[in-house]
Every structure is written in structure tokens, then in C-alpha cells.
């Protein structure tokens, strides 16, 4: 971090306060769209957010429960997610490498290595 701070021209003695919250931890459950996600996409439109304050809370809660469901991490298609994210991360890492003028061979998981 000190090298990063120096590169950013930030005081190298700076330290973040310790936190009691674990970060980068996979939750036991998450919300997943139902079906093809049409209701969830509708809930995310600007028109919905303009109307939502006038819609009774129980109706909004119902709409949310129809659009989303709670899923366990066991249901998550991890292989698909890894493949999708790795492709995007490779592209973004190549762009970062061009900007910074260096590669990132130490990022082994980027290429599927453990």
C-alpha cells in the first residue's frame, strides 16, 4: 500500500482504521431475478422511481417479491459467472496495462490459475 500511496502522492504513513466487518466475503444468500428479469428491469426504470413514492408500501413489497427471490450460494452458477467475469477482467486488465505501461503476471487467477 505504501508504494501505491507514493504513486498517488498520498502520505505513505496513512493507514485505514481497522474494521470489524469482513470484506470480500461471499454471502450465504443473495437476491436473484425471477424468470427473465422483466419485472426487475421495470423496477429500475426512471418512470418507476418517479411513481414509487405514491405506491403503497405493501404493493411495492409485493412487486419486489415478484421480481426477485432469495437464492443460496449453492444455486449460483459459479462456472458461468467466473467465465463471464474472467473475460471482462482480462479485457480491462489489458487496458489497464496499456495505460500503466506494465503487465500483471502476478494475477494468476486472471488466467484460470489458482
N, C-alpha and C. Protein backbone atom coordinates (compact mmCIF):
# COMPACT_ATOMS: atom_id res chain seq x y z
N UNK A 1 0.82 -1.18 0.00
CA UNK A 1 0.00 0.00 0.00
C UNK A 1 0.87 1.25 0.00
N UNK A 2 2.02 1.17 0.67
CA UNK A 2 2.90 2.34 0.72
C UNK A 2 3.35 2.74 -0.68
N UNK A 3 3.65 1.75 -1.54
CA UNK A 3 4.04 2.06 -2.92
C UNK A 3 2.90 2.72 -3.67
N UNK A 4 1.68 2.22 -3.45
CA UNK A 4 0.51 2.81 -4.10
C UNK A 4 0.31 4.24 -3.62
N UNK A 5 0.41 4.45 -2.31
CA UNK A 5 0.26 5.80 -1.76
C UNK A 5 1.31 6.74 -2.35
N UNK A 6 2.55 6.25 -2.46
CA UNK A 6 3.61 7.09 -3.02
C UNK A 6 3.29 7.43 -4.47
N UNK A 7 2.80 6.44 -5.23
CA UNK A 7 2.45 6.66 -6.63
C UNK A 7 1.32 7.67 -6.75
N UNK A 8 0.37 7.62 -5.81
CA UNK A 8 -0.76 8.56 -5.80
C UNK A 8 -0.39 9.89 -5.16
N UNK A 9 0.82 10.00 -4.66
CA UNK A 9 1.30 11.19 -3.97
C UNK A 9 0.46 11.46 -2.72
N UNK A 10 0.20 10.37 -1.98
CA UNK A 10 -0.54 10.42 -0.72
C UNK A 10 0.46 10.09 0.39
N UNK A 11 0.26 10.64 1.56
CA UNK A 11 1.12 10.37 2.70
C UNK A 11 1.24 8.86 2.91
N UNK A 12 2.45 8.33 2.77
CA UNK A 12 2.69 6.89 2.85
C UNK A 12 2.43 6.33 4.25
N UNK A 13 2.35 7.16 5.26
CA UNK A 13 2.10 6.67 6.61
C UNK A 13 0.60 6.49 6.88
N UNK A 14 -0.24 6.87 5.93
CA UNK A 14 -1.68 6.74 6.11
C UNK A 14 -2.07 5.27 6.26
N UNK A 15 -2.95 4.97 7.19
CA UNK A 15 -3.48 3.62 7.39
C UNK A 15 -4.98 3.72 7.60
N UNK A 16 -5.71 2.84 6.97
CA UNK A 16 -7.15 2.77 7.18
C UNK A 16 -7.42 2.24 8.59
N UNK A 17 -8.49 2.72 9.19
CA UNK A 17 -8.88 2.22 10.50
C UNK A 17 -9.32 0.77 10.38
N UNK A 18 -8.97 -0.04 11.37
CA UNK A 18 -9.39 -1.44 11.36
C UNK A 18 -10.90 -1.51 11.46
N UNK A 19 -11.48 -2.45 10.75
CA UNK A 19 -12.93 -2.59 10.76
C UNK A 19 -13.30 -3.98 11.25
N UNK A 20 -14.43 -4.07 11.89
CA UNK A 20 -14.90 -5.37 12.38
C UNK A 20 -15.71 -6.11 11.32
N UNK A 21 -15.85 -5.53 10.15
CA UNK A 21 -16.67 -6.11 9.09
C UNK A 21 -15.75 -6.81 8.09
N UNK A 22 -16.04 -8.07 7.82
CA UNK A 22 -15.28 -8.79 6.80
C UNK A 22 -15.65 -8.23 5.43
N UNK A 23 -14.67 -8.02 4.60
CA UNK A 23 -14.92 -7.55 3.25
C UNK A 23 -14.56 -8.64 2.26
N UNK A 24 -15.10 -8.53 1.08
CA UNK A 24 -14.86 -9.51 0.02
C UNK A 24 -15.24 -10.92 0.44
N UNK A 25 -16.31 -11.02 1.20
CA UNK A 25 -16.81 -12.32 1.64
C UNK A 25 -18.09 -12.63 0.87
N UNK A 26 -18.21 -13.84 0.41
CA UNK A 26 -19.42 -14.25 -0.30
C UNK A 26 -20.54 -14.45 0.71
N UNK A 27 -21.70 -13.84 0.48
CA UNK A 27 -22.82 -14.01 1.42
C UNK A 27 -23.40 -15.42 1.29
N UNK A 28 -24.13 -15.86 2.31
CA UNK A 28 -24.78 -17.17 2.26
C UNK A 28 -25.96 -17.17 1.31
N UNK A 29 -26.64 -16.01 1.21
CA UNK A 29 -27.77 -15.88 0.29
C UNK A 29 -27.63 -14.57 -0.48
N UNK A 30 -28.34 -14.47 -1.57
CA UNK A 30 -28.36 -13.27 -2.38
C UNK A 30 -29.69 -13.20 -3.10
N UNK A 31 -30.00 -12.04 -3.66
CA UNK A 31 -31.24 -11.89 -4.41
C UNK A 31 -30.98 -12.17 -5.88
N UNK A 32 -31.90 -12.87 -6.48
CA UNK A 32 -31.78 -13.25 -7.88
C UNK A 32 -33.09 -12.89 -8.58
N UNK A 33 -32.99 -12.43 -9.81
CA UNK A 33 -34.22 -12.08 -10.53
C UNK A 33 -35.01 -13.34 -10.83
N UNK A 34 -36.31 -13.18 -10.86
CA UNK A 34 -37.19 -14.28 -11.25
C UNK A 34 -37.37 -14.26 -12.76
N UNK A 35 -37.50 -15.42 -13.31
CA UNK A 35 -37.75 -15.53 -14.75
C UNK A 35 -36.66 -14.84 -15.56
N UNK A 36 -37.10 -14.06 -16.53
CA UNK A 36 -36.14 -13.35 -17.40
C UNK A 36 -35.79 -11.95 -16.88
N UNK A 37 -36.31 -11.61 -15.72
CA UNK A 37 -35.94 -10.34 -15.10
C UNK A 37 -36.72 -9.14 -15.60
N UNK A 38 -37.84 -9.36 -16.30
CA UNK A 38 -38.61 -8.25 -16.84
C UNK A 38 -39.12 -7.32 -15.74
N UNK A 39 -39.70 -7.89 -14.68
CA UNK A 39 -40.22 -7.05 -13.59
C UNK A 39 -39.09 -6.30 -12.89
N UNK A 40 -37.95 -6.93 -12.74
CA UNK A 40 -36.82 -6.26 -12.10
C UNK A 40 -36.34 -5.10 -12.97
N UNK A 41 -36.28 -5.30 -14.27
CA UNK A 41 -35.87 -4.21 -15.16
C UNK A 41 -36.87 -3.06 -15.11
N UNK A 42 -38.15 -3.38 -15.03
CA UNK A 42 -39.18 -2.36 -14.91
C UNK A 42 -39.01 -1.57 -13.61
N UNK A 43 -38.68 -2.27 -12.52
CA UNK A 43 -38.48 -1.61 -11.22
C UNK A 43 -37.28 -0.67 -11.24
N UNK A 44 -36.39 -0.80 -12.16
CA UNK A 44 -35.19 0.02 -12.21
C UNK A 44 -35.29 1.20 -13.19
N UNK A 45 -36.45 1.40 -13.77
CA UNK A 45 -36.61 2.49 -14.73
C UNK A 45 -36.85 3.81 -14.01
N UNK A 46 -36.47 4.92 -14.62
CA UNK A 46 -36.75 6.23 -14.02
C UNK A 46 -38.24 6.47 -13.79
N UNK A 47 -39.08 5.97 -14.70
CA UNK A 47 -40.52 6.14 -14.54
C UNK A 47 -41.01 5.48 -13.26
N UNK A 48 -40.51 4.28 -12.97
CA UNK A 48 -40.91 3.58 -11.74
C UNK A 48 -40.53 4.40 -10.52
N UNK A 49 -39.31 4.95 -10.52
CA UNK A 49 -38.85 5.71 -9.35
C UNK A 49 -39.60 7.03 -9.18
N UNK A 50 -40.16 7.56 -10.27
CA UNK A 50 -41.00 8.75 -10.13
C UNK A 50 -42.35 8.40 -9.51
N UNK A 51 -42.86 7.22 -9.82
CA UNK A 51 -44.18 6.80 -9.35
C UNK A 51 -44.10 6.11 -7.99
N UNK A 52 -43.00 5.44 -7.69
CA UNK A 52 -42.87 4.61 -6.49
C UNK A 52 -43.26 5.30 -5.18
N UNK A 53 -42.91 6.56 -4.96
CA UNK A 53 -43.29 7.19 -3.69
C UNK A 53 -44.80 7.26 -3.47
N UNK A 54 -45.58 7.17 -4.54
CA UNK A 54 -47.04 7.27 -4.43
C UNK A 54 -47.70 5.90 -4.36
N UNK A 55 -46.92 4.84 -4.55
CA UNK A 55 -47.45 3.48 -4.50
C UNK A 55 -47.35 2.99 -3.05
N UNK A 56 -48.43 2.43 -2.51
CA UNK A 56 -48.39 1.94 -1.12
C UNK A 56 -47.26 0.93 -0.91
N UNK A 57 -46.65 1.00 0.25
CA UNK A 57 -45.51 0.14 0.57
C UNK A 57 -45.80 -1.35 0.39
N UNK A 58 -46.98 -1.86 0.84
CA UNK A 58 -47.25 -3.29 0.64
C UNK A 58 -47.26 -3.69 -0.85
N UNK A 59 -47.71 -2.78 -1.71
CA UNK A 59 -47.72 -3.07 -3.14
C UNK A 59 -46.30 -3.09 -3.71
N UNK A 60 -45.46 -2.17 -3.23
CA UNK A 60 -44.04 -2.17 -3.66
C UNK A 60 -43.34 -3.44 -3.19
N UNK A 61 -43.65 -3.85 -1.96
CA UNK A 61 -43.07 -5.08 -1.42
C UNK A 61 -43.51 -6.28 -2.25
N UNK A 62 -44.77 -6.32 -2.63
CA UNK A 62 -45.27 -7.40 -3.48
C UNK A 62 -44.55 -7.41 -4.83
N UNK A 63 -44.42 -6.23 -5.42
CA UNK A 63 -43.73 -6.14 -6.72
C UNK A 63 -42.30 -6.63 -6.60
N UNK A 64 -41.64 -6.26 -5.52
CA UNK A 64 -40.26 -6.70 -5.29
C UNK A 64 -40.19 -8.22 -5.15
N UNK A 65 -41.13 -8.81 -4.41
CA UNK A 65 -41.12 -10.27 -4.22
C UNK A 65 -41.45 -11.01 -5.51
N UNK A 66 -42.20 -10.36 -6.40
CA UNK A 66 -42.49 -10.98 -7.70
C UNK A 66 -41.29 -10.85 -8.65
N UNK A 67 -40.49 -9.81 -8.46
CA UNK A 67 -39.35 -9.57 -9.34
C UNK A 67 -38.10 -10.32 -8.90
N UNK A 68 -37.94 -10.51 -7.59
CA UNK A 68 -36.72 -11.10 -7.04
C UNK A 68 -37.04 -12.28 -6.14
N UNK A 69 -36.06 -13.13 -5.97
CA UNK A 69 -36.18 -14.22 -5.00
C UNK A 69 -34.84 -14.38 -4.29
N UNK A 70 -34.90 -14.90 -3.09
CA UNK A 70 -33.68 -15.17 -2.34
C UNK A 70 -33.14 -16.52 -2.78
N UNK A 71 -31.87 -16.56 -3.09
CA UNK A 71 -31.22 -17.79 -3.52
C UNK A 71 -30.01 -18.05 -2.65
N UNK A 72 -29.65 -19.31 -2.54
CA UNK A 72 -28.46 -19.66 -1.78
C UNK A 72 -27.26 -19.69 -2.72
N UNK A 73 -26.10 -19.56 -2.15
CA UNK A 73 -24.89 -19.58 -2.99
C UNK A 73 -24.71 -20.93 -3.67
N UNK A 74 -25.31 -21.98 -3.10
CA UNK A 74 -25.22 -23.30 -3.74
C UNK A 74 -25.92 -23.30 -5.10
N UNK A 75 -26.90 -22.41 -5.27
CA UNK A 75 -27.64 -22.33 -6.54
C UNK A 75 -26.92 -21.50 -7.60
N UNK A 76 -25.92 -20.76 -7.18
CA UNK A 76 -25.25 -19.83 -8.10
C UNK A 76 -24.44 -20.60 -9.15
N UNK A 77 -24.60 -20.23 -10.41
CA UNK A 77 -23.83 -20.88 -11.48
C UNK A 77 -22.41 -20.32 -11.51
N UNK A 78 -21.55 -20.78 -10.59
CA UNK A 78 -20.22 -20.20 -10.43
C UNK A 78 -19.36 -20.32 -11.68
N UNK A 79 -19.42 -21.45 -12.36
CA UNK A 79 -18.59 -21.63 -13.55
C UNK A 79 -18.94 -20.59 -14.61
N UNK A 80 -20.24 -20.36 -14.81
CA UNK A 80 -20.68 -19.36 -15.77
C UNK A 80 -20.23 -17.97 -15.35
N UNK A 81 -20.40 -17.66 -14.08
CA UNK A 81 -20.02 -16.34 -13.57
C UNK A 81 -18.52 -16.13 -13.71
N UNK A 82 -17.72 -17.12 -13.35
CA UNK A 82 -16.27 -17.00 -13.48
C UNK A 82 -15.86 -16.77 -14.92
N UNK A 83 -16.45 -17.53 -15.82
CA UNK A 83 -16.12 -17.40 -17.24
C UNK A 83 -16.46 -16.00 -17.74
N UNK A 84 -17.65 -15.52 -17.41
CA UNK A 84 -18.08 -14.19 -17.84
C UNK A 84 -17.16 -13.12 -17.26
N UNK A 85 -16.92 -13.20 -15.95
CA UNK A 85 -16.11 -12.17 -15.30
C UNK A 85 -14.65 -12.22 -15.73
N UNK A 86 -14.12 -13.42 -15.94
CA UNK A 86 -12.72 -13.54 -16.36
C UNK A 86 -12.53 -12.87 -17.72
N UNK A 87 -13.45 -13.07 -18.63
CA UNK A 87 -13.37 -12.44 -19.95
C UNK A 87 -13.35 -10.92 -19.83
N UNK A 88 -14.26 -10.40 -19.04
CA UNK A 88 -14.30 -8.94 -18.84
C UNK A 88 -13.04 -8.44 -18.14
N UNK A 89 -12.62 -9.17 -17.13
CA UNK A 89 -11.44 -8.73 -16.38
C UNK A 89 -10.18 -8.78 -17.23
N UNK A 90 -10.07 -9.77 -18.10
CA UNK A 90 -8.92 -9.82 -19.00
C UNK A 90 -8.87 -8.59 -19.88
N UNK A 91 -10.00 -8.22 -20.46
CA UNK A 91 -10.05 -7.03 -21.31
C UNK A 91 -9.68 -5.77 -20.52
N UNK A 92 -10.26 -5.64 -19.33
CA UNK A 92 -10.00 -4.45 -18.53
C UNK A 92 -8.55 -4.41 -18.02
N UNK A 93 -8.00 -5.58 -17.73
CA UNK A 93 -6.62 -5.64 -17.27
C UNK A 93 -5.66 -5.29 -18.40
N UNK A 94 -5.97 -5.73 -19.62
CA UNK A 94 -5.14 -5.36 -20.77
C UNK A 94 -5.16 -3.84 -20.97
N UNK A 95 -6.33 -3.24 -20.83
CA UNK A 95 -6.44 -1.79 -20.96
C UNK A 95 -5.65 -1.08 -19.86
N UNK A 96 -5.77 -1.58 -18.63
CA UNK A 96 -5.01 -1.01 -17.52
C UNK A 96 -3.52 -1.14 -17.77
N UNK A 97 -3.09 -2.28 -18.29
CA UNK A 97 -1.68 -2.49 -18.61
C UNK A 97 -1.18 -1.50 -19.65
N UNK A 98 -2.02 -1.22 -20.64
CA UNK A 98 -1.63 -0.22 -21.67
C UNK A 98 -1.50 1.17 -21.04
N UNK A 99 -2.43 1.51 -20.16
CA UNK A 99 -2.40 2.82 -19.51
C UNK A 99 -1.17 2.96 -18.62
N UNK A 100 -0.88 1.92 -17.84
CA UNK A 100 0.22 1.99 -16.88
C UNK A 100 1.57 1.59 -17.47
N UNK A 101 1.52 0.97 -18.66
CA UNK A 101 2.76 0.55 -19.29
C UNK A 101 3.40 -0.64 -18.60
N UNK A 102 2.59 -1.53 -18.04
CA UNK A 102 3.12 -2.73 -17.40
C UNK A 102 2.08 -3.84 -17.44
N UNK A 103 2.56 -5.06 -17.30
CA UNK A 103 1.67 -6.21 -17.24
C UNK A 103 1.40 -6.61 -15.80
N UNK A 104 0.59 -7.64 -15.63
CA UNK A 104 0.24 -8.12 -14.30
C UNK A 104 0.38 -9.64 -14.24
N UNK A 105 1.60 -10.15 -14.43
CA UNK A 105 1.78 -11.61 -14.40
C UNK A 105 1.49 -12.22 -13.04
N UNK A 106 1.53 -11.41 -11.97
CA UNK A 106 1.27 -11.93 -10.63
C UNK A 106 -0.20 -12.24 -10.40
N UNK A 107 -1.09 -11.77 -11.27
CA UNK A 107 -2.52 -12.02 -11.13
C UNK A 107 -2.84 -13.35 -11.80
N UNK A 108 -2.52 -14.44 -11.13
CA UNK A 108 -2.64 -15.77 -11.70
C UNK A 108 -4.09 -16.20 -11.93
N UNK A 109 -5.01 -15.80 -11.04
CA UNK A 109 -6.40 -16.22 -11.22
C UNK A 109 -7.02 -15.60 -12.46
N UNK A 110 -6.40 -14.56 -12.96
CA UNK A 110 -6.90 -13.91 -14.16
C UNK A 110 -6.90 -14.86 -15.36
N UNK A 111 -5.96 -15.77 -15.36
CA UNK A 111 -5.82 -16.71 -16.48
C UNK A 111 -6.25 -18.12 -16.10
N UNK A 112 -6.98 -18.23 -14.99
CA UNK A 112 -7.52 -19.53 -14.60
C UNK A 112 -6.58 -20.36 -13.75
N UNK A 113 -5.48 -19.78 -13.30
CA UNK A 113 -4.56 -20.50 -12.41
C UNK A 113 -4.98 -20.24 -10.97
N UNK A 114 -4.75 -21.19 -10.11
CA UNK A 114 -5.10 -20.95 -8.70
C UNK A 114 -3.93 -20.36 -7.95
